[in-house]
Amino acid sequence: MTQERSPETGSSDAVAASAPGAEITTTDCRQCGAQVSGLNNRYACSYCGWVNHWAEGSRILPSAEDDPDHPGR
């Protein structure tokens, strides 16, 4: 017996939809060569642990006060 499954929406889609101007980008890991995806050119490789510097992203990071979970809110 075969069951058909409906396509699931990935968590990356939810993040991109919730962050205005967010874009999912893809590159090759500089350490092991695996293909990695990230948000606005910020990457972390799940195979070898490589992470690019936060300043290499294509958009300015929001401040702590912009975080809805910030203690000051």
N, C-alpha and C. Protein backbone atom coordinates (compact mmCIF):
# COMPACT_ATOMS: atom_id res chain seq x y z
N MET A 1 0.84 -1.17 0.00
CA MET A 1 0.00 0.00 0.00
C MET A 1 0.89 1.24 0.00
N THR A 2 0.57 2.18 -0.86
CA THR A 2 1.35 3.41 -0.98
C THR A 2 0.51 4.59 -0.54
N GLN A 3 1.09 5.42 0.29
CA GLN A 3 0.39 6.63 0.72
C GLN A 3 1.04 7.83 0.06
N GLU A 4 0.21 8.74 -0.41
CA GLU A 4 0.74 9.97 -0.97
C GLU A 4 0.77 11.02 0.12
N ARG A 5 1.85 11.76 0.14
CA ARG A 5 2.00 12.82 1.14
C ARG A 5 1.96 14.16 0.44
N SER A 6 1.34 15.09 1.08
CA SER A 6 1.33 16.44 0.53
C SER A 6 2.68 17.08 0.80
N PRO A 7 3.13 17.97 -0.09
CA PRO A 7 4.42 18.63 0.14
C PRO A 7 4.37 19.45 1.42
N GLU A 8 5.43 19.34 2.19
CA GLU A 8 5.51 20.08 3.44
C GLU A 8 6.27 21.38 3.22
N THR A 9 5.89 22.40 3.91
CA THR A 9 6.61 23.66 3.83
C THR A 9 7.77 23.59 4.78
N GLY A 10 8.98 23.82 4.28
CA GLY A 10 10.18 23.77 5.10
C GLY A 10 10.25 24.94 6.05
N SER A 11 11.02 24.79 7.11
CA SER A 11 11.16 25.86 8.08
C SER A 11 11.83 27.09 7.47
N SER A 12 12.70 26.87 6.46
CA SER A 12 13.36 28.01 5.83
C SER A 12 12.35 28.88 5.10
N ASP A 13 11.28 28.27 4.55
CA ASP A 13 10.24 29.04 3.90
C ASP A 13 9.51 29.91 4.91
N ALA A 14 9.28 29.37 6.10
CA ALA A 14 8.60 30.12 7.14
C ALA A 14 9.44 31.30 7.60
N VAL A 15 10.74 31.08 7.73
CA VAL A 15 11.64 32.17 8.14
C VAL A 15 11.65 33.25 7.08
N ALA A 16 11.78 32.87 5.83
CA ALA A 16 11.84 33.84 4.75
C ALA A 16 10.55 34.63 4.64
N ALA A 17 9.42 33.98 4.88
CA ALA A 17 8.14 34.66 4.79
C ALA A 17 7.94 35.62 5.95
N SER A 18 8.52 35.32 7.11
CA SER A 18 8.29 36.16 8.27
C SER A 18 9.24 37.35 8.35
N ALA A 19 10.36 37.28 7.68
CA ALA A 19 11.34 38.37 7.72
C ALA A 19 11.24 39.19 6.44
N PRO A 20 10.80 40.43 6.53
CA PRO A 20 10.66 41.25 5.33
C PRO A 20 12.01 41.44 4.63
N GLY A 21 12.03 41.20 3.34
CA GLY A 21 13.26 41.38 2.57
C GLY A 21 14.23 40.23 2.71
N ALA A 22 13.83 39.14 3.36
CA ALA A 22 14.72 37.99 3.54
C ALA A 22 14.81 37.21 2.24
N GLU A 23 16.00 36.71 1.95
CA GLU A 23 16.21 35.93 0.74
C GLU A 23 17.04 34.70 1.09
N ILE A 24 16.60 33.53 0.64
CA ILE A 24 17.36 32.31 0.84
C ILE A 24 18.41 32.24 -0.25
N THR A 25 19.68 32.11 0.14
CA THR A 25 20.79 32.08 -0.82
C THR A 25 21.56 30.78 -0.64
N THR A 26 22.30 30.38 -1.68
CA THR A 26 23.04 29.12 -1.68
C THR A 26 24.46 29.35 -2.17
N THR A 27 25.41 28.62 -1.59
CA THR A 27 26.81 28.69 -2.00
C THR A 27 27.48 27.36 -1.66
N ASP A 28 28.74 27.23 -2.02
CA ASP A 28 29.53 26.06 -1.65
C ASP A 28 30.32 26.37 -0.38
N CYS A 29 30.37 25.41 0.53
CA CYS A 29 31.13 25.57 1.76
C CYS A 29 32.60 25.79 1.42
N ARG A 30 33.21 26.77 2.03
CA ARG A 30 34.62 27.08 1.78
C ARG A 30 35.57 26.06 2.39
N GLN A 31 35.06 25.24 3.31
CA GLN A 31 35.93 24.28 3.98
C GLN A 31 35.82 22.88 3.35
N CYS A 32 34.60 22.38 3.11
CA CYS A 32 34.45 21.01 2.61
C CYS A 32 33.83 20.91 1.23
N GLY A 33 33.30 22.02 0.70
CA GLY A 33 32.73 22.03 -0.65
C GLY A 33 31.27 21.64 -0.74
N ALA A 34 30.63 21.29 0.35
CA ALA A 34 29.21 20.93 0.33
C ALA A 34 28.38 22.16 -0.03
N GLN A 35 27.22 21.93 -0.65
CA GLN A 35 26.33 23.04 -0.96
C GLN A 35 25.56 23.41 0.30
N VAL A 36 25.59 24.68 0.67
CA VAL A 36 24.90 25.16 1.87
C VAL A 36 23.97 26.30 1.48
N SER A 37 22.86 26.39 2.17
CA SER A 37 21.91 27.48 1.98
C SER A 37 21.85 28.31 3.24
N GLY A 38 21.55 29.57 3.08
CA GLY A 38 21.48 30.45 4.22
C GLY A 38 20.51 31.59 3.98
N LEU A 39 20.39 32.45 4.91
CA LEU A 39 19.50 33.60 4.81
C LEU A 39 20.33 34.85 4.61
N ASN A 40 20.10 35.54 3.49
CA ASN A 40 20.81 36.78 3.17
C ASN A 40 22.33 36.62 3.22
N ASN A 41 22.84 35.55 2.59
CA ASN A 41 24.28 35.28 2.45
C ASN A 41 24.99 35.03 3.78
N ARG A 42 24.28 34.52 4.76
CA ARG A 42 24.89 34.08 6.01
C ARG A 42 24.74 32.57 6.07
N TYR A 43 25.86 31.86 6.19
CA TYR A 43 25.86 30.42 6.03
C TYR A 43 26.48 29.70 7.22
N ALA A 44 26.04 28.45 7.43
CA ALA A 44 26.64 27.53 8.39
C ALA A 44 26.54 26.14 7.78
N CYS A 45 27.65 25.43 7.66
CA CYS A 45 27.69 24.10 7.07
C CYS A 45 27.40 23.05 8.13
N SER A 46 26.40 22.24 7.88
CA SER A 46 26.05 21.19 8.86
C SER A 46 26.98 19.99 8.77
N TYR A 47 27.80 19.90 7.73
CA TYR A 47 28.71 18.76 7.59
C TYR A 47 30.01 18.97 8.36
N CYS A 48 30.65 20.13 8.16
CA CYS A 48 31.97 20.33 8.78
C CYS A 48 31.98 21.42 9.85
N GLY A 49 30.90 22.19 9.98
CA GLY A 49 30.83 23.21 11.02
C GLY A 49 31.31 24.60 10.60
N TRP A 50 31.72 24.75 9.32
CA TRP A 50 32.18 26.07 8.85
C TRP A 50 31.04 27.07 8.92
N VAL A 51 31.34 28.29 9.34
CA VAL A 51 30.37 29.39 9.40
C VAL A 51 31.06 30.61 8.83
N ASN A 52 30.38 31.32 7.90
CA ASN A 52 30.99 32.55 7.40
C ASN A 52 30.76 33.69 8.39
N HIS A 53 31.58 34.72 8.29
CA HIS A 53 31.50 35.86 9.21
C HIS A 53 30.18 36.60 9.00
N TRP A 54 29.57 37.06 10.05
CA TRP A 54 28.27 37.72 9.97
C TRP A 54 28.31 38.95 9.07
N ALA A 55 29.44 39.62 8.97
CA ALA A 55 29.54 40.84 8.17
C ALA A 55 29.51 40.56 6.67
N GLU A 56 29.64 39.30 6.27
CA GLU A 56 29.58 38.95 4.85
C GLU A 56 28.15 38.89 4.33
N GLY A 57 27.17 39.04 5.19
CA GLY A 57 25.77 39.01 4.78
C GLY A 57 25.43 40.19 3.90
N SER A 58 24.33 40.05 3.17
CA SER A 58 23.95 41.09 2.21
C SER A 58 23.03 42.16 2.79
N ARG A 59 22.57 41.97 4.01
CA ARG A 59 21.71 42.97 4.65
C ARG A 59 22.21 43.23 6.06
N ILE A 60 21.89 44.40 6.57
CA ILE A 60 22.27 44.76 7.93
C ILE A 60 21.43 43.94 8.90
N LEU A 61 22.07 43.40 9.93
CA LEU A 61 21.34 42.64 10.94
C LEU A 61 20.49 43.58 11.78
N PRO A 62 19.31 43.12 12.20
CA PRO A 62 18.48 43.95 13.08
C PRO A 62 19.13 44.10 14.45
N SER A 63 18.79 45.15 15.14
CA SER A 63 19.33 45.36 16.47
C SER A 63 18.58 44.49 17.47
N ALA A 64 19.11 44.38 18.67
CA ALA A 64 18.46 43.59 19.71
C ALA A 64 17.08 44.16 20.04
N GLU A 65 16.92 45.46 19.97
CA GLU A 65 15.64 46.09 20.28
C GLU A 65 14.58 45.74 19.24
N ASP A 66 15.00 45.35 18.03
CA ASP A 66 14.06 44.95 16.99
C ASP A 66 13.51 43.54 17.20
N ASP A 67 14.15 42.78 18.07
CA ASP A 67 13.73 41.41 18.35
C ASP A 67 12.45 41.43 19.18
N PRO A 68 11.40 40.74 18.72
CA PRO A 68 10.16 40.75 19.49
C PRO A 68 10.30 40.11 20.87
N ASP A 69 11.34 39.29 21.07
CA ASP A 69 11.55 38.65 22.38
C ASP A 69 12.54 39.42 23.25
N HIS A 70 12.91 40.61 22.84
CA HIS A 70 13.86 41.41 23.61
C HIS A 70 13.28 41.72 24.98
N PRO A 71 14.06 41.58 26.05
CA PRO A 71 13.56 41.80 27.40
C PRO A 71 12.97 43.20 27.63
N GLY A 72 13.39 44.18 26.87
CA GLY A 72 12.89 45.55 27.06
C GLY A 72 11.51 45.79 26.50
N ARG A 73 10.94 44.81 25.83
CA ARG A 73 9.61 45.00 25.22
C ARG A 73 8.53 44.61 26.14
